[in-house]
Amino acid sequence: MPTVAVTDDTFKTEVLESDVPVLVDFWATWCGPCRMVAPILEELSDEYSEKIKIAKLDTDANQETTMAYGITSIPTLNVYSGGELVKSIIGARPKRAIQEEIDALLAN
């Protein structure tokens, strides 16, 4: 499953009301580390397609949600489960590190 673009308008439906956990990439087009993480998230989206949804939220275009969750550094990868924020990963990470975080969350 490819990553899903979410906006202020679709965040509640796509993320908070999702039946599976959702990893949201808070990013911006001008952010170099965000561009480094993007292809990793696309790969993980395919690898974990039935277990977790991976979404992307452009912080410049969706400031309401960005401010509501106190996002001050990007990339920030927030994981939501059952409508609640359960994990926050700040900064670019290698694929293996992100996989380990996802696996730990799914094991619970």
N, C-alpha and C. Protein backbone atom coordinates (compact mmCIF):
# COMPACT_ATOMS: atom_id res chain seq x y z
N MET A 1 0.85 -1.17 0.00
CA MET A 1 0.00 0.00 0.00
C MET A 1 0.90 1.24 0.00
N PRO A 2 0.70 2.16 -0.93
CA PRO A 2 1.53 3.37 -0.93
C PRO A 2 1.20 4.24 0.27
N THR A 3 2.12 5.16 0.58
CA THR A 3 1.83 6.08 1.67
C THR A 3 0.61 6.93 1.30
N VAL A 4 -0.09 7.38 2.32
CA VAL A 4 -1.32 8.15 2.13
C VAL A 4 -1.05 9.60 2.52
N ALA A 5 -1.40 10.53 1.66
CA ALA A 5 -1.28 11.95 2.01
C ALA A 5 -2.48 12.34 2.86
N VAL A 6 -2.21 12.93 4.02
CA VAL A 6 -3.30 13.40 4.87
C VAL A 6 -3.20 14.91 5.03
N THR A 7 -4.33 15.52 5.32
CA THR A 7 -4.43 16.96 5.50
C THR A 7 -5.14 17.25 6.81
N ASP A 8 -5.24 18.53 7.14
CA ASP A 8 -6.01 18.92 8.32
C ASP A 8 -7.42 18.35 8.24
N ASP A 9 -7.99 18.35 7.04
CA ASP A 9 -9.37 17.88 6.86
C ASP A 9 -9.52 16.37 6.95
N THR A 10 -8.49 15.61 6.55
CA THR A 10 -8.62 14.15 6.52
C THR A 10 -7.91 13.44 7.68
N PHE A 11 -7.20 14.19 8.52
CA PHE A 11 -6.41 13.59 9.59
C PHE A 11 -7.26 12.72 10.52
N LYS A 12 -8.39 13.25 10.95
CA LYS A 12 -9.24 12.50 11.88
C LYS A 12 -9.67 11.16 11.29
N THR A 13 -10.18 11.19 10.06
CA THR A 13 -10.68 9.98 9.42
C THR A 13 -9.56 9.00 9.10
N GLU A 14 -8.49 9.48 8.47
CA GLU A 14 -7.40 8.60 8.00
C GLU A 14 -6.52 8.09 9.13
N VAL A 15 -6.35 8.91 10.18
CA VAL A 15 -5.38 8.56 11.23
C VAL A 15 -6.08 8.15 12.53
N LEU A 16 -6.83 9.05 13.10
CA LEU A 16 -7.40 8.80 14.43
C LEU A 16 -8.48 7.72 14.41
N GLU A 17 -9.19 7.58 13.30
CA GLU A 17 -10.26 6.58 13.22
C GLU A 17 -9.84 5.32 12.47
N SER A 18 -8.56 5.17 12.20
CA SER A 18 -8.06 4.01 11.45
C SER A 18 -8.18 2.73 12.28
N ASP A 19 -8.47 1.62 11.59
CA ASP A 19 -8.55 0.31 12.25
C ASP A 19 -7.18 -0.27 12.55
N VAL A 20 -6.14 0.23 11.90
CA VAL A 20 -4.77 -0.24 12.12
C VAL A 20 -3.94 0.94 12.62
N PRO A 21 -2.81 0.67 13.29
CA PRO A 21 -1.94 1.77 13.70
C PRO A 21 -1.50 2.58 12.47
N VAL A 22 -1.25 3.87 12.69
CA VAL A 22 -0.84 4.75 11.60
C VAL A 22 0.44 5.49 12.00
N LEU A 23 1.45 5.40 11.16
CA LEU A 23 2.67 6.18 11.32
C LEU A 23 2.52 7.40 10.43
N VAL A 24 2.55 8.59 11.04
CA VAL A 24 2.40 9.83 10.28
C VAL A 24 3.75 10.53 10.20
N ASP A 25 4.19 10.77 8.97
CA ASP A 25 5.42 11.52 8.70
C ASP A 25 5.05 12.99 8.57
N PHE A 26 5.44 13.80 9.57
CA PHE A 26 5.27 15.24 9.49
C PHE A 26 6.50 15.77 8.76
N TRP A 27 6.31 16.36 7.59
CA TRP A 27 7.42 16.73 6.72
C TRP A 27 7.14 18.06 6.01
N ALA A 28 8.13 18.54 5.25
CA ALA A 28 7.96 19.73 4.41
C ALA A 28 8.86 19.57 3.18
N THR A 29 8.46 20.20 2.10
CA THR A 29 9.20 20.05 0.83
C THR A 29 10.63 20.57 0.93
N TRP A 30 10.89 21.58 1.75
CA TRP A 30 12.21 22.19 1.85
C TRP A 30 13.15 21.44 2.79
N CYS A 31 12.65 20.41 3.46
CA CYS A 31 13.41 19.69 4.50
C CYS A 31 14.24 18.55 3.90
N GLY A 32 15.55 18.70 3.92
CA GLY A 32 16.46 17.68 3.38
C GLY A 32 16.32 16.32 4.06
N PRO A 33 16.38 16.27 5.39
CA PRO A 33 16.21 14.97 6.07
C PRO A 33 14.86 14.32 5.76
N CYS A 34 13.82 15.14 5.57
CA CYS A 34 12.49 14.60 5.21
C CYS A 34 12.57 13.88 3.87
N ARG A 35 13.28 14.47 2.93
CA ARG A 35 13.42 13.86 1.60
C ARG A 35 14.23 12.56 1.68
N MET A 36 15.15 12.47 2.64
CA MET A 36 15.92 11.23 2.82
C MET A 36 15.05 10.11 3.38
N VAL A 37 14.12 10.44 4.25
CA VAL A 37 13.26 9.45 4.90
C VAL A 37 12.14 8.97 3.97
N ALA A 38 11.70 9.83 3.06
CA ALA A 38 10.54 9.53 2.21
C ALA A 38 10.62 8.18 1.48
N PRO A 39 11.73 7.87 0.78
CA PRO A 39 11.77 6.57 0.08
C PRO A 39 11.78 5.38 1.05
N ILE A 40 12.33 5.57 2.23
CA ILE A 40 12.33 4.51 3.25
C ILE A 40 10.89 4.22 3.67
N LEU A 41 10.11 5.28 3.87
CA LEU A 41 8.72 5.11 4.29
C LEU A 41 7.89 4.45 3.20
N GLU A 42 8.20 4.75 1.93
CA GLU A 42 7.50 4.10 0.82
C GLU A 42 7.76 2.59 0.86
N GLU A 43 9.02 2.20 1.08
CA GLU A 43 9.37 0.78 1.17
C GLU A 43 8.65 0.12 2.34
N LEU A 44 8.67 0.78 3.49
CA LEU A 44 8.02 0.22 4.69
C LEU A 44 6.52 0.13 4.51
N SER A 45 5.96 1.06 3.77
CA SER A 45 4.52 1.04 3.51
C SER A 45 4.13 -0.24 2.76
N ASP A 46 4.99 -0.66 1.82
CA ASP A 46 4.74 -1.91 1.10
C ASP A 46 4.96 -3.12 2.00
N GLU A 47 6.03 -3.09 2.78
CA GLU A 47 6.39 -4.23 3.62
C GLU A 47 5.40 -4.48 4.76
N TYR A 48 4.79 -3.42 5.27
CA TYR A 48 3.87 -3.54 6.41
C TYR A 48 2.43 -3.24 6.00
N SER A 49 2.10 -3.41 4.73
CA SER A 49 0.83 -2.94 4.18
C SER A 49 -0.41 -3.41 4.93
N GLU A 50 -0.42 -4.60 5.47
CA GLU A 50 -1.61 -5.10 6.17
C GLU A 50 -1.60 -4.77 7.65
N LYS A 51 -0.45 -4.35 8.18
CA LYS A 51 -0.31 -4.19 9.63
C LYS A 51 -0.34 -2.75 10.11
N ILE A 52 0.17 -1.84 9.28
CA ILE A 52 0.26 -0.43 9.68
C ILE A 52 0.10 0.45 8.45
N LYS A 53 -0.56 1.58 8.63
CA LYS A 53 -0.72 2.54 7.53
C LYS A 53 0.36 3.61 7.71
N ILE A 54 0.96 4.01 6.61
CA ILE A 54 1.95 5.09 6.67
C ILE A 54 1.39 6.28 5.91
N ALA A 55 1.31 7.40 6.63
CA ALA A 55 0.73 8.62 6.07
C ALA A 55 1.75 9.75 6.13
N LYS A 56 1.54 10.74 5.26
CA LYS A 56 2.42 11.90 5.22
C LYS A 56 1.58 13.16 5.36
N LEU A 57 2.04 14.09 6.20
CA LEU A 57 1.34 15.35 6.38
C LEU A 57 2.33 16.48 6.15
N ASP A 58 2.09 17.30 5.14
CA ASP A 58 2.93 18.46 4.83
C ASP A 58 2.67 19.53 5.88
N THR A 59 3.67 19.81 6.70
CA THR A 59 3.49 20.74 7.83
C THR A 59 3.21 22.17 7.37
N ASP A 60 3.77 22.57 6.22
CA ASP A 60 3.53 23.93 5.73
C ASP A 60 2.08 24.11 5.29
N ALA A 61 1.51 23.10 4.66
CA ALA A 61 0.15 23.19 4.13
C ALA A 61 -0.92 22.84 5.15
N ASN A 62 -0.52 22.23 6.27
CA ASN A 62 -1.49 21.74 7.27
C ASN A 62 -1.07 22.16 8.67
N GLN A 63 -1.08 23.45 8.90
CA GLN A 63 -0.56 23.98 10.16
C GLN A 63 -1.46 23.71 11.36
N GLU A 64 -2.74 23.51 11.13
CA GLU A 64 -3.66 23.25 12.25
C GLU A 64 -3.28 21.95 12.97
N THR A 65 -3.11 20.87 12.22
CA THR A 65 -2.74 19.58 12.81
C THR A 65 -1.31 19.64 13.35
N THR A 66 -0.42 20.29 12.62
CA THR A 66 0.97 20.42 13.05
C THR A 66 1.03 21.09 14.42
N MET A 67 0.30 22.17 14.60
CA MET A 67 0.30 22.88 15.88
C MET A 67 -0.41 22.08 16.97
N ALA A 68 -1.50 21.39 16.60
CA ALA A 68 -2.26 20.61 17.59
C ALA A 68 -1.40 19.53 18.23
N TYR A 69 -0.46 18.97 17.48
CA TYR A 69 0.40 17.92 18.01
C TYR A 69 1.78 18.43 18.42
N GLY A 70 1.96 19.75 18.44
CA GLY A 70 3.19 20.34 18.94
C GLY A 70 4.43 19.98 18.13
N ILE A 71 4.27 19.85 16.82
CA ILE A 71 5.40 19.49 15.97
C ILE A 71 6.29 20.71 15.80
N THR A 72 7.53 20.62 16.28
CA THR A 72 8.47 21.73 16.16
C THR A 72 9.71 21.34 15.36
N SER A 73 9.94 20.06 15.19
CA SER A 73 11.08 19.57 14.41
C SER A 73 10.56 18.60 13.36
N ILE A 74 11.15 18.66 12.17
CA ILE A 74 10.78 17.70 11.13
C ILE A 74 12.04 17.09 10.57
N PRO A 75 12.01 15.85 10.13
CA PRO A 75 10.82 15.00 10.17
C PRO A 75 10.51 14.52 11.60
N THR A 76 9.23 14.44 11.89
CA THR A 76 8.74 13.78 13.09
C THR A 76 7.82 12.67 12.63
N LEU A 77 8.07 11.47 13.12
CA LEU A 77 7.23 10.32 12.80
C LEU A 77 6.41 10.00 14.05
N ASN A 78 5.12 10.28 14.00
CA ASN A 78 4.23 9.97 15.12
C ASN A 78 3.43 8.72 14.79
N VAL A 79 3.31 7.84 15.76
CA VAL A 79 2.51 6.64 15.58
C VAL A 79 1.26 6.76 16.44
N TYR A 80 0.11 6.56 15.79
CA TYR A 80 -1.19 6.64 16.45
C TYR A 80 -1.85 5.27 16.41
N SER A 81 -2.46 4.88 17.52
CA SER A 81 -3.18 3.62 17.58
C SER A 81 -4.44 3.86 18.41
N GLY A 82 -5.58 3.45 17.87
CA GLY A 82 -6.84 3.67 18.57
C GLY A 82 -7.13 5.13 18.82
N GLY A 83 -6.66 5.99 17.94
CA GLY A 83 -6.91 7.42 18.07
C GLY A 83 -5.97 8.15 19.00
N GLU A 84 -5.01 7.44 19.57
CA GLU A 84 -4.07 8.04 20.53
C GLU A 84 -2.66 8.03 20.00
N LEU A 85 -1.89 9.07 20.33
CA LEU A 85 -0.47 9.12 20.01
C LEU A 85 0.26 8.16 20.94
N VAL A 86 0.95 7.16 20.36
CA VAL A 86 1.62 6.16 21.19
C VAL A 86 3.14 6.21 21.09
N LYS A 87 3.66 6.89 20.06
CA LYS A 87 5.11 6.95 19.89
C LYS A 87 5.46 8.14 19.02
N SER A 88 6.57 8.80 19.35
CA SER A 88 7.05 9.92 18.55
C SER A 88 8.53 9.71 18.28
N ILE A 89 8.90 9.73 17.00
CA ILE A 89 10.29 9.55 16.58
C ILE A 89 10.70 10.84 15.88
N ILE A 90 11.64 11.57 16.47
CA ILE A 90 12.04 12.86 15.92
C ILE A 90 13.37 12.73 15.20
N GLY A 91 13.39 13.23 13.96
CA GLY A 91 14.62 13.22 13.17
C GLY A 91 14.67 12.05 12.20
N ALA A 92 15.53 12.20 11.20
CA ALA A 92 15.70 11.15 10.20
C ALA A 92 16.39 9.95 10.82
N ARG A 93 15.93 8.77 10.49
CA ARG A 93 16.51 7.52 10.99
C ARG A 93 16.72 6.58 9.82
N PRO A 94 17.69 5.66 9.95
CA PRO A 94 17.85 4.65 8.89
C PRO A 94 16.66 3.68 8.91
N LYS A 95 16.49 2.99 7.81
CA LYS A 95 15.36 2.08 7.66
C LYS A 95 15.30 1.08 8.80
N ARG A 96 16.41 0.49 9.15
CA ARG A 96 16.45 -0.53 10.20
C ARG A 96 15.90 0.01 11.53
N ALA A 97 16.27 1.23 11.87
CA ALA A 97 15.82 1.82 13.15
C ALA A 97 14.30 2.03 13.13
N ILE A 98 13.77 2.48 11.99
CA ILE A 98 12.32 2.68 11.89
C ILE A 98 11.60 1.34 11.94
N GLN A 99 12.17 0.32 11.27
CA GLN A 99 11.59 -1.03 11.31
C GLN A 99 11.52 -1.55 12.74
N GLU A 100 12.59 -1.34 13.51
CA GLU A 100 12.63 -1.82 14.89
C GLU A 100 11.54 -1.15 15.73
N GLU A 101 11.33 0.15 15.50
CA GLU A 101 10.28 0.88 16.22
C GLU A 101 8.89 0.32 15.87
N ILE A 102 8.65 0.08 14.57
CA ILE A 102 7.37 -0.46 14.13
C ILE A 102 7.16 -1.86 14.69
N ASP A 103 8.19 -2.70 14.61
CA ASP A 103 8.07 -4.07 15.12
C ASP A 103 7.76 -4.08 16.62
N ALA A 104 8.40 -3.20 17.38
CA ALA A 104 8.16 -3.14 18.82
C ALA A 104 6.71 -2.73 19.10
N LEU A 105 6.21 -1.78 18.33
CA LEU A 105 4.82 -1.34 18.52
C LEU A 105 3.83 -2.43 18.15
N LEU A 106 4.10 -3.14 17.08
CA LEU A 106 3.20 -4.19 16.64
C LEU A 106 3.22 -5.39 17.59
N ALA A 107 4.31 -5.58 18.29
CA ALA A 107 4.42 -6.70 19.22
C ALA A 107 3.55 -6.49 20.47
N ASN A 108 3.23 -5.24 20.77
CA ASN A 108 2.42 -4.95 21.97
C ASN A 108 0.95 -5.22 21.75
